PDB file of N, CA and C in Angstrom:
ATOM      1  N   MET A   1      -3.658  -4.391   5.659  1.00  0.00           N
ATOM      2  CA  MET A   1      -3.258  -3.606   4.501  1.00  0.00           C
ATOM      3  C   MET A   1      -4.967  -3.403   4.068  1.00  0.00           C
ATOM      4  N   ARG A   2      -5.492  -4.083   4.053  1.00  0.00           N
ATOM      5  CA  ARG A   2      -6.755  -4.545   3.403  1.00  0.00           C
ATOM      6  C   ARG A   2      -7.705  -3.715   3.534  1.00  0.00           C
ATOM      7  N   ARG A   3      -7.990  -3.842   5.233  1.00  0.00           N
ATOM      8  CA  ARG A   3      -8.641  -3.219   5.969  1.00  0.00           C
ATOM      9  C   ARG A   3      -8.825  -1.743   6.005  1.00  0.00           C
ATOM     10  N   ARG A   4      -7.405  -1.093   6.114  1.00  0.00           N
ATOM     11  CA  ARG A   4      -7.031   0.369   6.277  1.00  0.00           C
ATOM     12  C   ARG A   4      -7.828   0.563   4.662  1.00  0.00           C
ATOM     13  N   SER A   5      -7.608   0.238   3.067  1.00  0.00           N
ATOM     14  CA  SER A   5      -7.751   1.025   2.271  1.00  0.00           C
ATOM     15  C   SER A   5      -9.754   0.522   1.891  1.00  0.00           C
ATOM     16  N   LEU A   6     -10.162  -0.150   2.715  1.00  0.00           N
ATOM     17  CA  LEU A   6     -11.618  -0.010   3.060  1.00  0.00           C
ATOM     18  C   LEU A   6     -12.235   0.462   3.575  1.00  0.00           C
ATOM     19  N   ARG A   7     -11.217   1.503   4.582  1.00  0.00           N
ATOM     20  CA  ARG A   7     -12.560   2.597   5.552  1.00  0.00           C
ATOM     21  C   ARG A   7     -12.236   3.870   4.402  1.00  0.00           C
ATOM     22  N   TRP A   8     -11.150   4.390   3.312  1.00  0.00           N
ATOM     23  CA  TRP A   8     -11.524   5.373   3.045  1.00  0.00           C
ATOM     24  C   TRP A   8     -12.798   5.561   2.191  1.00  0.00           C
ATOM     25  N   PRO A   9     -13.207   4.679   1.260  1.00  0.00           N
ATOM     26  CA  PRO A   9     -14.522   5.170   0.852  1.00  0.00           C
ATOM     27  C   PRO A   9     -15.750   5.401   2.097  1.00  0.00           C
ATOM     28  N   GLY A  10     -15.792   4.780   3.046  1.00  0.00           N
ATOM     29  CA  GLY A  10     -16.424   5.032   4.540  1.00  0.00           C
ATOM     30  C   GLY A  10     -16.161   6.184   4.773  1.00  0.00           C
ATOM     31  N   TRP A  11     -15.091   6.650   4.922  1.00  0.00           N
ATOM     32  CA  TRP A  11     -14.442   8.183   5.555  1.00  0.00           C
ATOM     33  C   TRP A  11     -15.001   9.586   4.584  1.00  0.00           C
ATOM     34  N   PHE A  12     -15.102   8.728   3.091  1.00  0.00           N
ATOM     35  CA  PHE A  12     -15.461   9.552   2.291  1.00  0.00           C
ATOM     36  C   PHE A  12     -17.141   9.782   2.304  1.00  0.00           C
ATOM     37  N   ALA A  13     -17.488   8.818   2.327  1.00  0.00           N
ATOM     38  CA  ALA A  13     -19.202   8.741   2.531  1.00  0.00           C
ATOM     39  C   ALA A  13     -19.895   9.391   3.860  1.00  0.00           C
ATOM     40  N   ALA A  14     -19.035   8.936   4.522  1.00  0.00           N
ATOM     41  CA  ALA A  14     -19.614  10.169   5.975  1.00  0.00           C
ATOM     42  C   ALA A  14     -18.997  12.077   5.822  1.00  0.00           C
ATOM     43  N   TRP A  15     -18.216  11.845   4.921  1.00  0.00           N
ATOM     44  CA  TRP A  15     -18.077  13.420   4.736  1.00  0.00           C
ATOM     45  C   TRP A  15     -18.568  13.901   3.873  1.00  0.00           C
ATOM     46  N   LEU A  16     -19.513  13.028   3.108  1.00  0.00           N
ATOM     47  CA  LEU A  16     -20.623  13.810   1.944  1.00  0.00           C
ATOM     48  C   LEU A  16     -21.345  13.979   2.921  1.00  0.00           C
ATOM     49  N   PHE A  17     -21.982  12.802   3.544  1.00  0.00           N
ATOM     50  CA  PHE A  17     -23.224  12.700   4.553  1.00  0.00           C
ATOM     51  C   PHE A  17     -23.539  13.943   5.337  1.00  0.00           C
ATOM     52  N   ILE A  18     -21.941  14.001   6.139  1.00  0.00           N
ATOM     53  CA  ILE A  18     -21.999  14.807   7.471  1.00  0.00           C
ATOM     54  C   ILE A  18     -22.005  16.601   6.502  1.00  0.00           C
ATOM     55  N   GLY A  19     -21.617  16.937   5.286  1.00  0.00           N
ATOM     56  CA  GLY A  19     -21.214  18.354   4.966  1.00  0.00           C
ATOM     57  C   GLY A  19     -22.536  18.459   4.236  1.00  0.00           C
ATOM     58  N   TRP A  20     -23.541  17.615   3.722  1.00  0.00           N
ATOM     59  CA  TRP A  20     -24.737  17.989   3.218  1.00  0.00           C
ATOM     60  C   TRP A  20     -25.815  18.044   4.520  1.00  0.00           C
ATOM     61  N   LEU A  21     -25.756  17.304   5.072  1.00  0.00           N
ATOM     62  CA  LEU A  21     -26.173  17.277   6.570  1.00  0.00           C
ATOM     63  C   LEU A  21     -26.264  18.824   7.007  1.00  0.00           C
ATOM     64  N   LEU A  22     -24.713  19.396   7.255  1.00  0.00           N
ATOM     65  CA  LEU A  22     -25.005  20.808   7.913  1.00  0.00           C
ATOM     66  C   LEU A  22     -25.222  21.436   6.728  1.00  0.00           C
ATOM     67  N   GLY A  23     -25.222  21.541   5.756  1.00  0.00           N
ATOM     68  CA  GLY A  23     -25.471  22.780   4.568  1.00  0.00           C
ATOM     69  C   GLY A  23     -27.130  22.750   4.678  1.00  0.00           C
ATOM     70  N   VAL A  24     -28.046  21.259   4.694  1.00  0.00           N
ATOM     71  CA  VAL A  24     -29.405  21.684   4.542  1.00  0.00           C
ATOM     72  C   VAL A  24     -29.368  22.275   6.033  1.00  0.00           C
ATOM     73  N   ILE A  25     -29.087  21.542   6.751  1.00  0.00           N
ATOM     74  CA  ILE A  25     -29.902  22.215   8.481  1.00  0.00           C
ATOM     75  C   ILE A  25     -29.334  24.289   8.348  1.00  0.00           C
ATOM     76  N   LEU A  26     -28.051  24.105   7.769  1.00  0.00           N
ATOM     77  CA  LEU A  26     -27.857  25.968   7.868  1.00  0.00           C
ATOM     78  C   LEU A  26     -28.386  26.654   6.388  1.00  0.00           C
ATOM     79  N   THR A  27     -28.661  26.136   5.552  1.00  0.00           N
ATOM     80  CA  THR A  27     -29.197  26.770   4.853  1.00  0.00           C
ATOM     81  C   THR A  27     -31.056  27.278   4.833  1.00  0.00           C
ATOM     82  N   ARG A  28     -31.269  26.214   5.701  1.00  0.00           N
ATOM     83  CA  ARG A  28     -32.888  26.355   6.033  1.00  0.00           C
ATOM     84  C   ARG A  28     -33.601  27.185   6.778  1.00  0.00           C
ATOM     85  N   LEU A  29     -32.059  27.705   7.326  1.00  0.00           N
ATOM     86  CA  LEU A  29     -32.531  28.666   8.566  1.00  0.00           C
ATOM     87  C   LEU A  29     -32.895  30.188   7.618  1.00  0.00           C
ATOM     88  N   SER A  30     -33.558  30.874   8.180  1.00  0.00           N
ATOM     89  CA  SER A  30     -33.921  32.114   7.717  1.00  0.00           C
ATOM     90  C   SER A  30     -32.765  33.330   8.543  1.00  0.00           C
ATOM     91  N   PHE A  31     -31.871  33.615   7.389  1.00  0.00           N
ATOM     92  CA  PHE A  31     -31.017  34.365   8.076  1.00  0.00           C
ATOM     93  C   PHE A  31     -30.444  35.786   6.943  1.00  0.00           C
ATOM     94  N   ARG A  32     -30.049  36.667   7.681  1.00  0.00           N
ATOM     95  CA  ARG A  32     -30.022  37.832   6.763  1.00  0.00           C
ATOM     96  C   ARG A  32     -28.538  38.049   6.881  1.00  0.00           C
ATOM     97  N   LEU A  33     -27.687  38.497   5.530  1.00  0.00           N
ATOM     98  CA  LEU A  33     -26.405  38.331   5.298  1.00  0.00           C
ATOM     99  C   LEU A  33     -25.766  39.051   6.239  1.00  0.00           C
ATOM    100  N   PRO A  34     -24.922  39.045   6.818  1.00  0.00           N
ATOM    101  CA  PRO A  34     -24.208  39.763   7.877  1.00  0.00           C
ATOM    102  C   PRO A  34     -23.146  40.690   6.766  1.00  0.00           C
ATOM    103  N   LEU A  35     -23.438  41.769   7.641  1.00  0.00           N
ATOM    104  CA  LEU A  35     -22.185  42.734   6.793  1.00  0.00           C
ATOM    105  C   LEU A  35     -20.772  42.273   6.449  1.00  0.00           C
ATOM    106  N   PHE A  36     -20.355  41.636   7.050  1.00  0.00           N
ATOM    107  CA  PHE A  36     -18.918  41.702   7.085  1.00  0.00           C
ATOM    108  C   PHE A  36     -18.952  40.166   5.856  1.00  0.00           C
ATOM    109  N   VAL A  37     -19.997  39.493   5.833  1.00  0.00           N
ATOM    110  CA  VAL A  37     -19.957  38.339   4.543  1.00  0.00           C
ATOM    111  C   VAL A  37     -20.187  38.794   3.517  1.00  0.00           C
ATOM    112  N   GLU A  38     -21.221  39.843   3.685  1.00  0.00           N
ATOM    113  CA  GLU A  38     -20.929  40.647   1.865  1.00  0.00           C
ATOM    114  C   GLU A  38     -20.029  41.452   1.915  1.00  0.00           C
ATOM    115  N   ASP A  39     -19.317  42.254   2.887  1.00  0.00           N
ATOM    116  CA  ASP A  39     -18.004  42.707   2.129  1.00  0.00           C
ATOM    117  C   ASP A  39     -16.815  42.062   1.601  1.00  0.00           C
ATOM    118  N   ALA A  40     -16.746  40.904   2.207  1.00  0.00           N
ATOM    119  CA  ALA A  40     -15.920  39.572   1.949  1.00  0.00           C
ATOM    120  C   ALA A  40     -16.443  39.605   0.804  1.00  0.00           C
ATOM    121  N   ILE A  41     -17.235  38.990   0.219  1.00  0.00           N
ATOM    122  CA  ILE A  41     -17.781  39.076  -1.012  1.00  0.00           C
ATOM    123  C   ILE A  41     -17.680  39.933  -2.165  1.00  0.00           C
ATOM    124  N   ARG A  42     -17.870  41.407  -1.836  1.00  0.00           N
ATOM    125  CA  ARG A  42     -18.041  42.474  -2.454  1.00  0.00           C
ATOM    126  C   ARG A  42     -16.253  42.033  -2.776  1.00  0.00           C
ATOM    127  N   PHE A  43     -15.655  42.488  -2.055  1.00  0.00           N
ATOM    128  CA  PHE A  43     -13.788  42.222  -2.094  1.00  0.00           C
ATOM    129  C   PHE A  43     -13.248  41.155  -3.092  1.00  0.00           C
ATOM    130  N   GLY A  44     -14.207  40.096  -2.736  1.00  0.00           N
ATOM    131  CA  GLY A  44     -13.443  38.776  -3.584  1.00  0.00           C
ATOM    132  C   GLY A  44     -14.102  39.313  -5.533  1.00  0.00           C
ATOM    133  N   ILE A  45     -15.196  39.655  -5.305  1.00  0.00           N
ATOM    134  CA  ILE A  45     -16.007  40.249  -6.904  1.00  0.00           C
ATOM    135  C   ILE A  45     -15.032  41.331  -7.442  1.00  0.00           C
ATOM    136  N   ARG A  46     -15.061  42.431  -6.618  1.00  0.00           N
ATOM    137  CA  ARG A  46     -13.699  43.539  -6.977  1.00  0.00           C
ATOM    138  C   ARG A  46     -12.263  42.614  -7.545  1.00  0.00           C
ATOM    139  N   ILE A  47     -11.854  41.831  -6.847  1.00  0.00           N
ATOM    140  CA  ILE A  47     -10.437  41.149  -7.165  1.00  0.00           C
ATOM    141  C   ILE A  47     -10.107  40.295  -7.951  1.00  0.00           C
ATOM    142  N   SER A  48     -11.561  39.838  -8.594  1.00  0.00           N
ATOM    143  CA  SER A  48     -11.860  38.706  -9.588  1.00  0.00           C
ATOM    144  C   SER A  48     -12.188  39.779 -10.865  1.00  0.00           C
ATOM    145  N   GLY A  49     -12.599  40.930 -10.779  1.00  0.00           N
ATOM    146  CA  GLY A  49     -12.867  41.489 -11.778  1.00  0.00           C
ATOM    147  C   GLY A  49     -14.460  40.889 -12.787  1.00  0.00           C
ATOM    148  N   HIS A  50     -14.837  40.231 -11.895  1.00  0.00           N
ATOM    149  CA  HIS A  50     -16.410  39.942 -12.518  1.00  0.00           C
ATOM    150  C   HIS A  50     -17.641  41.125 -11.357  1.00  0.00           C
ATOM    151  N   GLN A  51     -17.790  42.218 -12.095  1.00  0.00           N
ATOM    152  CA  GLN A  51     -18.040  43.328 -12.000  1.00  0.00           C
ATOM    153  C   GLN A  51     -19.724  43.107 -12.049  1.00  0.00           C
ATOM    154  N   GLU A  52     -20.097  42.065 -12.690  1.00  0.00           N
ATOM    155  CA  GLU A  52     -21.688  41.472 -13.348  1.00  0.00           C
ATOM    156  C   GLU A  52     -22.049  40.780 -12.289  1.00  0.00           C
ATOM    157  N   LEU A  53     -21.580  40.407 -11.306  1.00  0.00           N
ATOM    158  CA  LEU A  53     -22.435  39.181 -10.193  1.00  0.00           C
ATOM    159  C   LEU A  53     -22.247  40.604  -8.811  1.00  0.00           C
ATOM    160  N   ASP A  54     -21.854  41.524  -9.124  1.00  0.00           N
ATOM    161  CA  ASP A  54     -22.254  42.741  -8.138  1.00  0.00           C
ATOM    162  C   ASP A  54     -23.687  43.313  -7.902  1.00  0.00           C
ATOM    163  N   ASN A  55     -24.550  42.563  -7.858  1.00  0.00           N
ATOM    164  CA  ASN A  55     -26.022  43.025  -7.090  1.00  0.00           C
ATOM    165  C   ASN A  55     -26.883  42.039  -6.325  1.00  0.00           C
ATOM    166  N   PRO A  56     -27.521  42.393  -5.482  1.00  0.00           N
ATOM    167  CA  PRO A  56     -28.293  41.882  -4.335  1.00  0.00           C
ATOM    168  C   PRO A  56     -28.552  40.283  -4.445  1.00  0.00           C
ATOM    169  N   GLU A  57     -28.995  40.289  -5.542  1.00  0.00           N
ATOM    170  CA  GLU A  57     -29.467  38.531  -6.091  1.00  0.00           C
ATOM    171  C   GLU A  57     -28.388  37.830  -5.792  1.00  0.00           C
ATOM    172  N   ASP A  58     -27.169  38.155  -6.705  1.00  0.00           N
ATOM    173  CA  ASP A  58     -26.107  37.265  -6.745  1.00  0.00           C
ATOM    174  C   ASP A  58     -25.018  37.044  -5.517  1.00  0.00           C
ATOM    175  N   LEU A  59     -25.114  38.249  -4.845  1.00  0.00           N
ATOM    176  CA  LEU A  59     -24.648  37.856  -3.274  1.00  0.00           C
ATOM    177  C   LEU A  59     -25.369  37.396  -2.356  1.00  0.00           C
ATOM    178  N   ASP A  60     -26.465  36.942  -2.315  1.00  0.00           N
ATOM    179  CA  ASP A  60     -27.334  35.991  -1.487  1.00  0.00           C
ATOM    180  C   ASP A  60     -26.862  34.778  -2.292  1.00  0.00           C
ATOM    181  N   THR A  61     -26.767  34.867  -3.613  1.00  0.00           N
ATOM    182  CA  THR A  61     -26.602  33.197  -4.044  1.00  0.00           C
ATOM    183  C   THR A  61     -24.885  33.114  -3.363  1.00  0.00           C
ATOM    184  N   LEU A  62     -24.538  33.656  -3.778  1.00  0.00           N
ATOM    185  CA  LEU A  62     -22.926  33.304  -3.306  1.00  0.00           C
ATOM    186  C   LEU A  62     -22.851  32.854  -1.467  1.00  0.00           C
ATOM    187  N   ALA A  63     -23.260  34.110  -1.143  1.00  0.00           N
ATOM    188  CA  ALA A  63     -23.202  33.696   0.692  1.00  0.00           C
ATOM    189  C   ALA A  63     -23.838  32.307   1.032  1.00  0.00           C
ATOM    190  N   LEU A  64     -24.728  31.899   0.333  1.00  0.00           N
ATOM    191  CA  LEU A  64     -25.355  30.484   0.319  1.00  0.00           C
ATOM    192  C   LEU A  64     -24.492  29.482  -0.267  1.00  0.00           C
ATOM    193  N   LEU A  65     -23.876  29.778  -1.014  1.00  0.00           N
ATOM    194  CA  LEU A  65     -22.592  29.032  -1.446  1.00  0.00           C
ATOM    195  C   LEU A  65     -21.308  28.851  -0.923  1.00  0.00           C
ATOM    196  N   THR A  66     -21.449  29.968  -0.199  1.00  0.00           N
ATOM    197  CA  THR A  66     -19.992  30.088   0.649  1.00  0.00           C
ATOM    198  C   THR A  66     -20.553  29.585   2.124  1.00  0.00           C
ATOM    199  N   VAL A  67     -21.840  29.209   2.576  1.00  0.00           N
ATOM    200  CA  VAL A  67     -22.063  28.799   3.896  1.00  0.00           C
ATOM    201  C   VAL A  67     -22.022  26.992   3.462  1.00  0.00           C
ATOM    202  N   VAL A  68     -22.426  26.868   2.410  1.00  0.00           N
ATOM    203  CA  VAL A  68     -22.298  25.132   1.974  1.00  0.00           C
ATOM    204  C   VAL A  68     -20.713  24.732   2.214  1.00  0.00           C
ATOM    205  N   ILE A  69     -20.120  25.794   1.308  1.00  0.00           N
ATOM    206  CA  ILE A  69     -18.616  25.263   1.519  1.00  0.00           C
ATOM    207  C   ILE A  69     -18.083  25.167   2.830  1.00  0.00           C
ATOM    208  N   MET A  70     -18.439  25.918   3.599  1.00  0.00           N
ATOM    209  CA  MET A  70     -18.019  25.929   5.033  1.00  0.00           C
ATOM    210  C   MET A  70     -18.324  24.904   5.886  1.00  0.00           C
ATOM    211  N   CYS A  71     -19.780  24.133   5.280  1.00  0.00           N
ATOM    212  CA  CYS A  71     -20.311  23.027   5.981  1.00  0.00           C
ATOM    213  C   CYS A  71     -19.263  21.824   5.435  1.00  0.00           C
ATOM    214  N   PHE A  72     -18.676  21.899   4.502  1.00  0.00           N
ATOM    215  CA  PHE A  72     -18.172  20.692   3.891  1.00  0.00           C
ATOM    216  C   PHE A  72     -16.630  20.717   4.560  1.00  0.00           C
ATOM    217  N   VAL A  73     -15.937  22.151   4.692  1.00  0.00           N
ATOM    218  CA  VAL A  73     -14.848  21.852   5.373  1.00  0.00           C
ATOM    219  C   VAL A  73     -15.172  21.587   6.972  1.00  0.00           C
ATOM    220  N   ALA A  74     -16.224  22.155   7.589  1.00  0.00           N
ATOM    221  CA  ALA A  74     -16.437  21.558   8.788  1.00  0.00           C
ATOM    222  C   ALA A  74     -16.575  20.365   8.961  1.00  0.00           C
ATOM    223  N   ALA A  75     -17.151  19.757   7.842  1.00  0.00           N
ATOM    224  CA  ALA A  75     -17.387  18.012   7.757  1.00  0.00           C
ATOM    225  C   ALA A  75     -16.090  17.309   7.774  1.00  0.00           C
ATOM    226  N   VAL A  76     -14.967  18.311   7.001  1.00  0.00           N
ATOM    227  CA  VAL A  76     -13.576  17.375   6.776  1.00  0.00           C
ATOM    228  C   VAL A  76     -13.108  17.217   8.455  1.00  0.00           C
ATOM    229  N   PHE A  77     -13.049  18.285   9.080  1.00  0.00           N
ATOM    230  CA  PHE A  77     -12.636  18.284  10.558  1.00  0.00           C
ATOM    231  C   PHE A  77     -13.273  17.457  11.473  1.00  0.00           C
ATOM    232  N   ILE A  78     -15.060  17.229  10.988  1.00  0.00           N
ATOM    233  CA  ILE A  78     -15.358  16.191  12.381  1.00  0.00           C
ATOM    234  C   ILE A  78     -15.166  14.902  11.477  1.00  0.00           C
ATOM    235  N   VAL A  79     -15.028  14.643  10.329  1.00  0.00           N
ATOM    236  CA  VAL A  79     -14.762  13.395  10.203  1.00  0.00           C
ATOM    237  C   VAL A  79     -13.176  13.016  10.296  1.00  0.00           C
ATOM    238  N   TRP A  80     -12.330  13.856  10.532  1.00  0.00           N
ATOM    239  CA  TRP A  80     -10.933  13.730  10.352  1.00  0.00           C
ATOM    240  C   TRP A  80     -10.867  13.336  11.960  1.00  0.00           C
ATOM    241  N   GLY A  81     -11.553  13.924  12.693  1.00  0.00           N
ATOM    242  CA  GLY A  81     -11.414  14.224  14.291  1.00  0.00           C
ATOM    243  C   GLY A  81     -12.257  12.371  14.792  1.00  0.00           C
ATOM    244  N   LEU A  82     -12.639  12.053  14.141  1.00  0.00           N
ATOM    245  CA  LEU A  82     -13.577  10.548  14.415  1.00  0.00           C
ATOM    246  C   LEU A  82     -12.992   9.425  13.585  1.00  0.00           C
ATOM    247  N   SER A  83     -11.932   9.734  12.676  1.00  0.00           N
ATOM    248  CA  SER A  83     -10.952   8.819  12.218  1.00  0.00           C
ATOM    249  C   SER A  83     -10.304   8.626  13.397  1.00  0.00           C
ATOM    250  N   ALA A  84      -9.266   9.691  13.708  1.00  0.00           N
ATOM    251  CA  ALA A  84      -8.598   9.647  14.636  1.00  0.00           C
ATOM    252  C   ALA A  84      -8.716   8.891  15.912  1.00  0.00           C
ATOM    253  N   PHE A  85     -10.053  10.026  16.455  1.00  0.00           N
ATOM    254  CA  PHE A  85     -10.717   8.874  17.895  1.00  0.00           C
ATOM    255  C   PHE A  85     -10.870   7.276  17.607  1.00  0.00           C
ATOM    256  N   THR A  86     -11.367   6.666  16.548  1.00  0.00           N
ATOM    257  CA  THR A  86     -11.701   5.592  15.910  1.00  0.00           C
ATOM    258  C   THR A  86     -10.366   4.661  15.820  1.00  0.00           C
ATOM    259  N   GLU A  87      -9.637   5.169  15.591  1.00  0.00           N
ATOM    260  CA  GLU A  87      -8.171   4.725  15.430  1.00  0.00           C
ATOM    261  C   GLU A  87      -7.926   4.501  16.514  1.00  0.00           C
ATOM    262  N   ARG A  88      -7.468   5.402  17.561  1.00  0.00           N
ATOM    263  CA  ARG A  88      -7.209   5.079  18.905  1.00  0.00           C
ATOM    264  C   ARG A  88      -7.540   4.153  19.568  1.00  0.00           C
ATOM    265  N   CYS A  89      -9.085   4.094  19.582  1.00  0.00           N
ATOM    266  CA  CYS A  89      -9.547   3.164  20.087  1.00  0.00           C
ATOM    267  C   CYS A  89      -9.697   1.407  19.674  1.00  0.00           C
ATOM    268  N   TRP A  90      -9.456   1.915  18.529  1.00  0.00           N
ATOM    269  CA  TRP A  90      -9.017   0.479  17.713  1.00  0.00           C
ATOM    270  C   TRP A  90      -7.526   0.061  18.237  1.00  0.00           C
ATOM    271  N   LEU A  91      -6.936   0.914  18.306  1.00  0.00           N
ATOM    272  CA  LEU A  91      -5.253   0.276  18.666  1.00  0.00           C
ATOM    273  C   LEU A  91      -5.232   0.201  20.358  1.00  0.00           C
ATOM    274  N   SER A  92      -5.880   0.765  21.052  1.00  0.00           N
ATOM    275  CA  SER A  92      -6.266   0.612  22.810  1.00  0.00           C
ATOM    276  C   SER A  92      -6.502  -0.891  22.991  1.00  0.00           C
ATOM    277  N   ARG A  93      -7.998  -1.215  21.579  1.00  0.00           N
ATOM    278  CA  ARG A  93      -8.395  -2.606  22.071  1.00  0.00           C
ATOM    279  C   ARG A  93      -6.980  -3.579  21.390  1.00  0.00           C
ATOM    280  N   LYS A  94      -6.454  -2.904  20.447  1.00  0.00           N
ATOM    281  CA  LYS A  94      -5.534  -4.497  19.750  1.00  0.00           C
ATOM    282  C   LYS A  94      -4.669  -4.935  20.692  1.00  0.00           C
ATOM    283  N   ARG A  95      -4.104  -3.604  21.850  1.00  0.00           N
ATOM    284  CA  ARG A  95      -3.311  -4.098  22.683  1.00  0.00           C
ATOM    285  C   ARG A  95      -3.319  -4.690  23.873  1.00  0.00           C
ATOM    286  N   LEU A  96      -4.921  -5.054  24.344  1.00  0.00           N
ATOM    287  CA  LEU A  96      -5.172  -5.655  25.397  1.00  0.00           C
ATOM    288  C   LEU A  96      -5.431  -6.882  24.631  1.00  0.00           C
TER     289      LEU A  96
END
């Protein structure tokens, strides 16, 4: 039981590192804001009622924030897959 409880901080650290690394890589690329992302952000602003955020500078900032959040979501799936893979390998070695 102790071994399992010590793995969670490692997976959390891996999630933070992978999410940060993906965010750094993607935000350093120069890209134009796709139209569907701009429309989605404007729709979210309209629904939330914060019309003061509806200007081009804030849209770029919100788009970068969206990219960083999606990097952390992708990192969750990567770490989950790594966890399942290592658990499966560890169990198969234990059986032998």
